[in-house]
């Protein structure tokens, strides 16, 4: 990652989210692929998880952390469509 950790973390998050949103219809049919496609390394923690919530909602969580900067997004799909996104981060602290 370059000198600007905040931008790098945010850009990686955007790359992952764009891929997932573009493939919403196939994500839960290819769970192993999407949960293993994005992996971190010794310096960067990257995690994509898929789960089911109440009312059979599909939950997609994206987490990216490098050093002490992180961003987490929990996307909810309801009735097969994008419903909600809850982003938490300490990038701007």
C-alpha atoms as a PDB file:
ATOM      1  CA  UNK A   1       0.000   0.000   0.000  1.00  0.00           C
ATOM      2  CA  UNK A   2       1.180   3.518  -0.661  1.00  0.00           C
ATOM      3  CA  UNK A   3       1.859   6.279   1.816  1.00  0.00           C
ATOM      4  CA  UNK A   4      -1.787   7.252   2.122  1.00  0.00           C
ATOM      5  CA  UNK A   5      -3.205   4.315   4.063  1.00  0.00           C
ATOM      6  CA  UNK A   6      -6.682   5.819   4.304  1.00  0.00           C
ATOM      7  CA  UNK A   7      -7.039   6.070   0.509  1.00  0.00           C
ATOM      8  CA  UNK A   8      -5.656   2.576  -0.028  1.00  0.00           C
ATOM      9  CA  UNK A   9      -8.060   1.018   2.469  1.00  0.00           C
ATOM     10  CA  UNK A  10     -11.009   2.905   0.995  1.00  0.00           C
ATOM     11  CA  UNK A  11     -10.055   2.063  -2.610  1.00  0.00           C
ATOM     12  CA  UNK A  12      -9.711  -1.646  -1.819  1.00  0.00           C
ATOM     13  CA  UNK A  13     -13.104  -1.567  -0.091  1.00  0.00           C
ATOM     14  CA  UNK A  14     -14.656   0.117  -3.143  1.00  0.00           C
ATOM     15  CA  UNK A  15     -13.099  -2.456  -5.481  1.00  0.00           C
ATOM     16  CA  UNK A  16     -14.576  -5.321  -3.467  1.00  0.00           C
ATOM     17  CA  UNK A  17     -17.986  -3.678  -3.040  1.00  0.00           C
ATOM     18  CA  UNK A  18     -18.247  -2.886  -6.756  1.00  0.00           C
ATOM     19  CA  UNK A  19     -17.521  -6.508  -7.647  1.00  0.00           C
ATOM     20  CA  UNK A  20     -20.061  -7.820  -5.155  1.00  0.00           C
ATOM     21  CA  UNK A  21     -22.808  -5.363  -6.130  1.00  0.00           C
ATOM     22  CA  UNK A  22     -22.263  -6.144  -9.823  1.00  0.00           C
ATOM     23  CA  UNK A  23     -22.734  -9.847  -9.068  1.00  0.00           C
ATOM     24  CA  UNK A  24     -25.525  -9.753  -6.469  1.00  0.00           C
ATOM     25  CA  UNK A  25     -27.560 -12.441  -8.197  1.00  0.00           C
ATOM     26  CA  UNK A  26     -24.767 -15.029  -8.116  1.00  0.00           C
ATOM     27  CA  UNK A  27     -22.984 -14.337  -4.822  1.00  0.00           C
ATOM     28  CA  UNK A  28     -24.955 -16.772  -2.677  1.00  0.00           C
ATOM     29  CA  UNK A  29     -24.769 -19.457  -5.380  1.00  0.00           C
ATOM     30  CA  UNK A  30     -20.956 -19.163  -5.337  1.00  0.00           C
ATOM     31  CA  UNK A  31     -20.293 -18.579  -1.641  1.00  0.00           C
ATOM     32  CA  UNK A  32     -16.941 -20.361  -1.494  1.00  0.00           C
ATOM     33  CA  UNK A  33     -15.617 -18.366  -4.449  1.00  0.00           C
ATOM     34  CA  UNK A  34     -16.580 -14.950  -3.071  1.00  0.00           C
ATOM     35  CA  UNK A  35     -15.519 -15.620   0.514  1.00  0.00           C
ATOM     36  CA  UNK A  36     -12.096 -16.782  -0.703  1.00  0.00           C
ATOM     37  CA  UNK A  37     -11.576 -14.403  -3.649  1.00  0.00           C
ATOM     38  CA  UNK A  38     -10.505 -11.485  -1.481  1.00  0.00           C
ATOM     39  CA  UNK A  39      -7.801 -12.349   1.007  1.00  0.00           C
ATOM     40  CA  UNK A  40      -5.471 -10.189   2.978  1.00  0.00           C
ATOM     41  CA  UNK A  41      -1.778 -10.615   3.498  1.00  0.00           C
ATOM     42  CA  UNK A  42       0.550 -10.287   6.452  1.00  0.00           C
ATOM     43  CA  UNK A  43      -0.065  -6.500   6.589  1.00  0.00           C
ATOM     44  CA  UNK A  44      -3.673  -6.181   5.469  1.00  0.00           C
ATOM     45  CA  UNK A  45      -6.763  -7.949   6.821  1.00  0.00           C
ATOM     46  CA  UNK A  46      -9.512  -8.451   4.222  1.00  0.00           C
ATOM     47  CA  UNK A  47     -12.647 -10.477   4.878  1.00  0.00           C
ATOM     48  CA  UNK A  48     -15.858 -11.041   2.922  1.00  0.00           C
ATOM     49  CA  UNK A  49     -18.559 -13.019   4.709  1.00  0.00           C
ATOM     50  CA  UNK A  50     -22.010 -14.157   3.622  1.00  0.00           C
ATOM     51  CA  UNK A  51     -24.835 -14.984   5.991  1.00  0.00           C
ATOM     52  CA  UNK A  52     -28.603 -15.052   6.362  1.00  0.00           C
ATOM     53  CA  UNK A  53     -30.459 -12.685   8.665  1.00  0.00           C
ATOM     54  CA  UNK A  54     -34.037 -12.335   9.887  1.00  0.00           C
ATOM     55  CA  UNK A  55     -36.835 -12.630   7.336  1.00  0.00           C
ATOM     56  CA  UNK A  56     -34.456 -14.626   5.097  1.00  0.00           C
ATOM     57  CA  UNK A  57     -32.430 -11.473   4.372  1.00  0.00           C
ATOM     58  CA  UNK A  58     -29.051 -12.117   2.794  1.00  0.00           C
ATOM     59  CA  UNK A  59     -26.200 -10.378   4.615  1.00  0.00           C
ATOM     60  CA  UNK A  60     -22.873  -9.538   2.948  1.00  0.00           C
ATOM     61  CA  UNK A  61     -20.101  -8.142   5.127  1.00  0.00           C
ATOM     62  CA  UNK A  62     -16.933  -6.514   3.776  1.00  0.00           C
ATOM     63  CA  UNK A  63     -14.058  -5.728   6.138  1.00  0.00           C
ATOM     64  CA  UNK A  64     -10.723  -4.143   5.172  1.00  0.00           C
ATOM     65  CA  UNK A  65      -8.030  -3.133   7.691  1.00  0.00           C
ATOM     66  CA  UNK A  66      -4.455  -1.980   7.304  1.00  0.00           C
ATOM     67  CA  UNK A  67      -2.471  -0.992  10.381  1.00  0.00           C
ATOM     68  CA  UNK A  68      -4.955   0.954  12.514  1.00  0.00           C
ATOM     69  CA  UNK A  69      -7.296   2.094   9.711  1.00  0.00           C
ATOM     70  CA  UNK A  70     -10.363   0.008   8.836  1.00  0.00           C
ATOM     71  CA  UNK A  71     -13.715   0.059   7.089  1.00  0.00           C
ATOM     72  CA  UNK A  72     -16.622  -2.354   7.482  1.00  0.00           C
ATOM     73  CA  UNK A  73     -19.785  -2.499   5.408  1.00  0.00           C
ATOM     74  CA  UNK A  74     -22.784  -4.715   6.083  1.00  0.00           C
ATOM     75  CA  UNK A  75     -25.010  -4.960   3.010  1.00  0.00           C
ATOM     76  CA  UNK A  76     -28.481  -6.420   3.253  1.00  0.00           C
ATOM     77  CA  UNK A  77     -30.403  -7.977   0.388  1.00  0.00           C
ATOM     78  CA  UNK A  78     -34.133  -8.446   0.762  1.00  0.00           C
ATOM     79  CA  UNK A  79     -36.309 -10.270  -1.778  1.00  0.00           C
ATOM     80  CA  UNK A  80     -33.295 -10.661  -4.067  1.00  0.00           C
ATOM     81  CA  UNK A  81     -32.542  -6.947  -4.287  1.00  0.00           C
ATOM     82  CA  UNK A  82     -30.116  -4.560  -2.634  1.00  0.00           C
ATOM     83  CA  UNK A  83     -31.849  -3.182   0.451  1.00  0.00           C
ATOM     84  CA  UNK A  84     -29.451  -1.473   2.862  1.00  0.00           C
ATOM     85  CA  UNK A  85     -25.802  -0.731   3.562  1.00  0.00           C
ATOM     86  CA  UNK A  86     -24.332   0.146   6.953  1.00  0.00           C
ATOM     87  CA  UNK A  87     -20.763   1.452   6.761  1.00  0.00           C
ATOM     88  CA  UNK A  88     -18.552   1.958   9.807  1.00  0.00           C
ATOM     89  CA  UNK A  89     -14.974   3.197   9.664  1.00  0.00           C
ATOM     90  CA  UNK A  90     -12.241   4.991  11.555  1.00  0.00           C
ATOM     91  CA  UNK A  91     -10.552   6.320   8.417  1.00  0.00           C
ATOM     92  CA  UNK A  92     -11.532   9.897   9.163  1.00  0.00           C
ATOM     93  CA  UNK A  93     -10.669   9.865  12.867  1.00  0.00           C
END
